[in-house]
Amino acid sequence: MKARTDPHPQQFVYILECSDKTLYTGWTVNLEKRIREHNNGKGGARYTRGRRPVRLVYFEACRSVSDALKREARIKKLSRAQKLLLIKR
């Protein structure tokens, strides 16, 4: 029997809190790996490289890359105060 793979892997939008208390928003298909990349500097965003360690403070699942990118864009447009309210929910 062959292992079945999901033809539509789950996408995640996430918010990180950096060591300087700034917030970074991104998306990924593998949340744990992406956080490791941000903290190790290999494949992490340029923004987070000088602000390590980072800590995952929020994430949500999306059905598609398109949905994840749209949600990421909406979150990035929020003010810091609005992002903090989202995180507290």
N, C-alpha and C. Protein backbone atom coordinates (compact mmCIF):
# COMPACT_ATOMS: atom_id res chain seq x y z
N MET A 1 0.84 -1.18 0.00
CA MET A 1 0.00 0.00 0.00
C MET A 1 0.88 1.24 0.00
N LYS A 2 0.60 2.17 -0.91
CA LYS A 2 1.35 3.41 -0.99
C LYS A 2 0.85 4.42 0.05
N ALA A 3 1.78 5.18 0.57
CA ALA A 3 1.39 6.25 1.48
C ALA A 3 0.68 7.33 0.68
N ARG A 4 -0.38 7.86 1.22
CA ARG A 4 -1.10 8.93 0.54
C ARG A 4 -0.57 10.26 1.02
N THR A 5 -0.39 11.15 0.09
CA THR A 5 0.05 12.49 0.46
C THR A 5 -1.06 13.46 0.12
N ASP A 6 -1.18 14.46 0.91
CA ASP A 6 -2.21 15.48 0.70
C ASP A 6 -1.83 16.31 -0.52
N PRO A 7 -2.69 16.35 -1.55
CA PRO A 7 -2.35 17.14 -2.73
C PRO A 7 -2.38 18.64 -2.45
N HIS A 8 -2.98 19.01 -1.32
CA HIS A 8 -3.06 20.43 -0.94
C HIS A 8 -2.52 20.60 0.47
N PRO A 9 -1.21 20.65 0.61
CA PRO A 9 -0.66 20.78 1.96
C PRO A 9 -1.13 22.07 2.62
N GLN A 10 -1.23 22.04 3.90
CA GLN A 10 -1.70 23.20 4.64
C GLN A 10 -0.66 24.30 4.62
N GLN A 11 -1.13 25.51 4.51
CA GLN A 11 -0.27 26.69 4.55
C GLN A 11 -0.50 27.39 5.88
N PHE A 12 0.50 28.06 6.38
CA PHE A 12 0.37 28.78 7.64
C PHE A 12 0.82 30.23 7.47
N VAL A 13 0.08 31.12 8.08
CA VAL A 13 0.49 32.52 8.23
C VAL A 13 0.87 32.65 9.70
N TYR A 14 1.97 33.35 9.96
CA TYR A 14 2.44 33.42 11.34
C TYR A 14 2.98 34.81 11.67
N ILE A 15 3.01 35.08 12.96
CA ILE A 15 3.62 36.31 13.47
C ILE A 15 4.69 35.90 14.48
N LEU A 16 5.86 36.48 14.31
CA LEU A 16 6.96 36.26 15.24
C LEU A 16 7.19 37.53 16.05
N GLU A 17 7.59 37.35 17.30
CA GLU A 17 8.08 38.47 18.08
C GLU A 17 9.59 38.35 18.11
N CYS A 18 10.26 39.39 17.66
CA CYS A 18 11.72 39.40 17.61
C CYS A 18 12.28 39.84 18.96
N SER A 19 13.58 39.67 19.13
CA SER A 19 14.22 40.00 20.41
C SER A 19 14.09 41.49 20.76
N ASP A 20 13.91 42.34 19.74
CA ASP A 20 13.74 43.78 20.00
C ASP A 20 12.27 44.17 20.15
N LYS A 21 11.40 43.15 20.29
CA LYS A 21 9.96 43.30 20.50
C LYS A 21 9.20 43.74 19.25
N THR A 22 9.85 43.79 18.10
CA THR A 22 9.13 44.06 16.86
C THR A 22 8.43 42.78 16.42
N LEU A 23 7.47 42.95 15.52
CA LEU A 23 6.70 41.82 15.02
C LEU A 23 7.01 41.59 13.56
N TYR A 24 7.11 40.33 13.17
CA TYR A 24 7.37 39.95 11.79
C TYR A 24 6.27 38.98 11.36
N THR A 25 5.71 39.20 10.18
CA THR A 25 4.66 38.34 9.64
C THR A 25 5.15 37.63 8.40
N GLY A 26 4.85 36.33 8.29
CA GLY A 26 5.25 35.56 7.13
C GLY A 26 4.29 34.41 6.90
N TRP A 27 4.61 33.56 5.91
CA TRP A 27 3.82 32.36 5.63
C TRP A 27 4.75 31.21 5.29
N THR A 28 4.26 30.00 5.46
CA THR A 28 5.07 28.81 5.22
C THR A 28 4.19 27.58 5.10
N VAL A 29 4.77 26.50 4.61
CA VAL A 29 4.07 25.21 4.61
C VAL A 29 4.54 24.34 5.78
N ASN A 30 5.66 24.71 6.40
CA ASN A 30 6.22 23.94 7.51
C ASN A 30 6.61 24.91 8.61
N LEU A 31 5.72 25.08 9.56
CA LEU A 31 5.89 26.09 10.60
C LEU A 31 7.13 25.86 11.47
N GLU A 32 7.32 24.64 11.95
CA GLU A 32 8.47 24.36 12.83
C GLU A 32 9.79 24.61 12.11
N LYS A 33 9.88 24.14 10.87
CA LYS A 33 11.11 24.33 10.09
C LYS A 33 11.37 25.81 9.85
N ARG A 34 10.31 26.55 9.53
CA ARG A 34 10.48 27.98 9.23
C ARG A 34 10.96 28.75 10.46
N ILE A 35 10.44 28.44 11.62
CA ILE A 35 10.88 29.12 12.84
C ILE A 35 12.35 28.81 13.10
N ARG A 36 12.73 27.53 12.91
CA ARG A 36 14.14 27.15 13.05
C ARG A 36 15.01 27.96 12.09
N GLU A 37 14.55 28.11 10.85
CA GLU A 37 15.32 28.88 9.86
C GLU A 37 15.48 30.33 10.30
N HIS A 38 14.42 30.91 10.82
CA HIS A 38 14.53 32.30 11.30
C HIS A 38 15.55 32.40 12.43
N ASN A 39 15.56 31.44 13.33
CA ASN A 39 16.46 31.50 14.47
C ASN A 39 17.89 31.08 14.14
N ASN A 40 18.07 30.25 13.12
CA ASN A 40 19.41 29.80 12.75
C ASN A 40 20.04 30.65 11.66
N GLY A 41 19.25 31.46 11.00
CA GLY A 41 19.81 32.34 9.97
C GLY A 41 19.93 31.71 8.60
N LYS A 42 19.61 30.44 8.46
CA LYS A 42 19.71 29.79 7.15
C LYS A 42 18.32 29.75 6.55
N GLY A 43 18.06 30.63 5.59
CA GLY A 43 16.76 30.67 4.96
C GLY A 43 15.77 31.58 5.65
N GLY A 44 16.16 32.15 6.77
CA GLY A 44 15.28 33.08 7.46
C GLY A 44 15.25 34.42 6.76
N ALA A 45 14.28 35.22 7.07
CA ALA A 45 14.15 36.54 6.45
C ALA A 45 15.27 37.47 6.90
N ARG A 46 15.66 38.35 6.02
CA ARG A 46 16.69 39.33 6.33
C ARG A 46 16.31 40.15 7.57
N TYR A 47 15.02 40.49 7.67
CA TYR A 47 14.55 41.30 8.79
C TYR A 47 14.85 40.64 10.13
N THR A 48 14.69 39.33 10.21
CA THR A 48 14.86 38.65 11.50
C THR A 48 16.31 38.31 11.83
N ARG A 49 17.19 38.38 10.86
CA ARG A 49 18.59 37.96 11.10
C ARG A 49 19.26 38.72 12.21
N GLY A 50 19.04 40.01 12.29
CA GLY A 50 19.67 40.81 13.34
C GLY A 50 18.81 40.95 14.58
N ARG A 51 17.70 40.22 14.63
CA ARG A 51 16.75 40.37 15.72
C ARG A 51 16.46 39.03 16.40
N ARG A 52 17.41 38.12 16.37
CA ARG A 52 17.24 36.81 16.98
C ARG A 52 17.50 36.87 18.47
N PRO A 53 16.91 35.98 19.23
CA PRO A 53 16.00 34.93 18.79
C PRO A 53 14.60 35.47 18.54
N VAL A 54 13.85 34.75 17.71
CA VAL A 54 12.46 35.09 17.46
C VAL A 54 11.59 34.05 18.15
N ARG A 55 10.35 34.46 18.42
CA ARG A 55 9.42 33.58 19.14
C ARG A 55 8.08 33.61 18.41
N LEU A 56 7.54 32.44 18.14
CA LEU A 56 6.23 32.36 17.49
C LEU A 56 5.16 32.82 18.48
N VAL A 57 4.37 33.84 18.09
CA VAL A 57 3.32 34.34 18.97
C VAL A 57 1.93 34.15 18.39
N TYR A 58 1.84 33.82 17.09
CA TYR A 58 0.54 33.64 16.46
C TYR A 58 0.70 32.86 15.16
N PHE A 59 -0.27 32.01 14.87
CA PHE A 59 -0.33 31.39 13.55
C PHE A 59 -1.75 30.99 13.24
N GLU A 60 -2.04 30.88 11.97
CA GLU A 60 -3.33 30.36 11.53
C GLU A 60 -3.12 29.57 10.24
N ALA A 61 -3.96 28.57 10.04
CA ALA A 61 -3.87 27.72 8.86
C ALA A 61 -4.70 28.32 7.73
N CYS A 62 -4.22 28.14 6.51
CA CYS A 62 -4.93 28.58 5.31
C CYS A 62 -5.03 27.40 4.36
N ARG A 63 -6.02 27.44 3.47
CA ARG A 63 -6.26 26.32 2.57
C ARG A 63 -5.34 26.29 1.35
N SER A 64 -4.80 27.44 0.97
CA SER A 64 -3.98 27.49 -0.24
C SER A 64 -2.90 28.54 -0.10
N VAL A 65 -1.93 28.49 -1.00
CA VAL A 65 -0.88 29.50 -1.02
C VAL A 65 -1.51 30.87 -1.25
N SER A 66 -2.44 30.92 -2.18
CA SER A 66 -3.11 32.18 -2.49
C SER A 66 -3.79 32.76 -1.25
N ASP A 67 -4.53 31.91 -0.51
CA ASP A 67 -5.18 32.38 0.71
C ASP A 67 -4.15 32.85 1.74
N ALA A 68 -3.05 32.11 1.87
CA ALA A 68 -2.01 32.48 2.83
C ALA A 68 -1.38 33.82 2.47
N LEU A 69 -1.09 34.03 1.20
CA LEU A 69 -0.48 35.29 0.77
C LEU A 69 -1.42 36.47 0.98
N LYS A 70 -2.70 36.25 0.70
CA LYS A 70 -3.68 37.33 0.91
C LYS A 70 -3.81 37.66 2.39
N ARG A 71 -3.86 36.62 3.23
CA ARG A 71 -3.98 36.84 4.68
C ARG A 71 -2.73 37.51 5.22
N GLU A 72 -1.56 37.08 4.76
CA GLU A 72 -0.31 37.71 5.17
C GLU A 72 -0.33 39.20 4.83
N ALA A 73 -0.76 39.53 3.63
CA ALA A 73 -0.81 40.94 3.21
C ALA A 73 -1.76 41.75 4.09
N ARG A 74 -2.91 41.15 4.43
CA ARG A 74 -3.87 41.86 5.30
C ARG A 74 -3.28 42.09 6.69
N ILE A 75 -2.60 41.07 7.22
CA ILE A 75 -2.01 41.22 8.56
C ILE A 75 -0.91 42.26 8.54
N LYS A 76 -0.09 42.27 7.49
CA LYS A 76 1.00 43.23 7.42
C LYS A 76 0.49 44.68 7.38
N LYS A 77 -0.72 44.89 6.90
CA LYS A 77 -1.30 46.23 6.85
C LYS A 77 -1.85 46.70 8.18
N LEU A 78 -2.00 45.78 9.13
CA LEU A 78 -2.50 46.14 10.45
C LEU A 78 -1.47 46.95 11.22
N SER A 79 -1.96 47.78 12.11
CA SER A 79 -1.05 48.51 13.00
C SER A 79 -0.50 47.53 14.03
N ARG A 80 0.53 47.95 14.73
CA ARG A 80 1.09 47.10 15.79
C ARG A 80 0.01 46.77 16.83
N ALA A 81 -0.78 47.78 17.22
CA ALA A 81 -1.83 47.57 18.21
C ALA A 81 -2.85 46.54 17.71
N GLN A 82 -3.21 46.61 16.45
CA GLN A 82 -4.16 45.65 15.89
C GLN A 82 -3.56 44.25 15.85
N LYS A 83 -2.28 44.15 15.53
CA LYS A 83 -1.63 42.84 15.53
C LYS A 83 -1.59 42.26 16.94
N LEU A 84 -1.33 43.08 17.94
CA LEU A 84 -1.31 42.60 19.31
C LEU A 84 -2.68 42.10 19.74
N LEU A 85 -3.74 42.77 19.30
CA LEU A 85 -5.10 42.30 19.59
C LEU A 85 -5.36 40.96 18.92
N LEU A 86 -4.90 40.79 17.69
CA LEU A 86 -5.04 39.53 16.97
C LEU A 86 -4.32 38.41 17.73
N ILE A 87 -3.13 38.69 18.19
CA ILE A 87 -2.33 37.71 18.92
C ILE A 87 -3.04 37.29 20.22
N LYS A 88 -3.69 38.23 20.88
CA LYS A 88 -4.36 37.93 22.17
C LYS A 88 -5.61 37.10 22.02
N ARG A 89 -6.21 37.07 20.83
CA ARG A 89 -7.45 36.31 20.63
C ARG A 89 -7.27 34.85 20.87
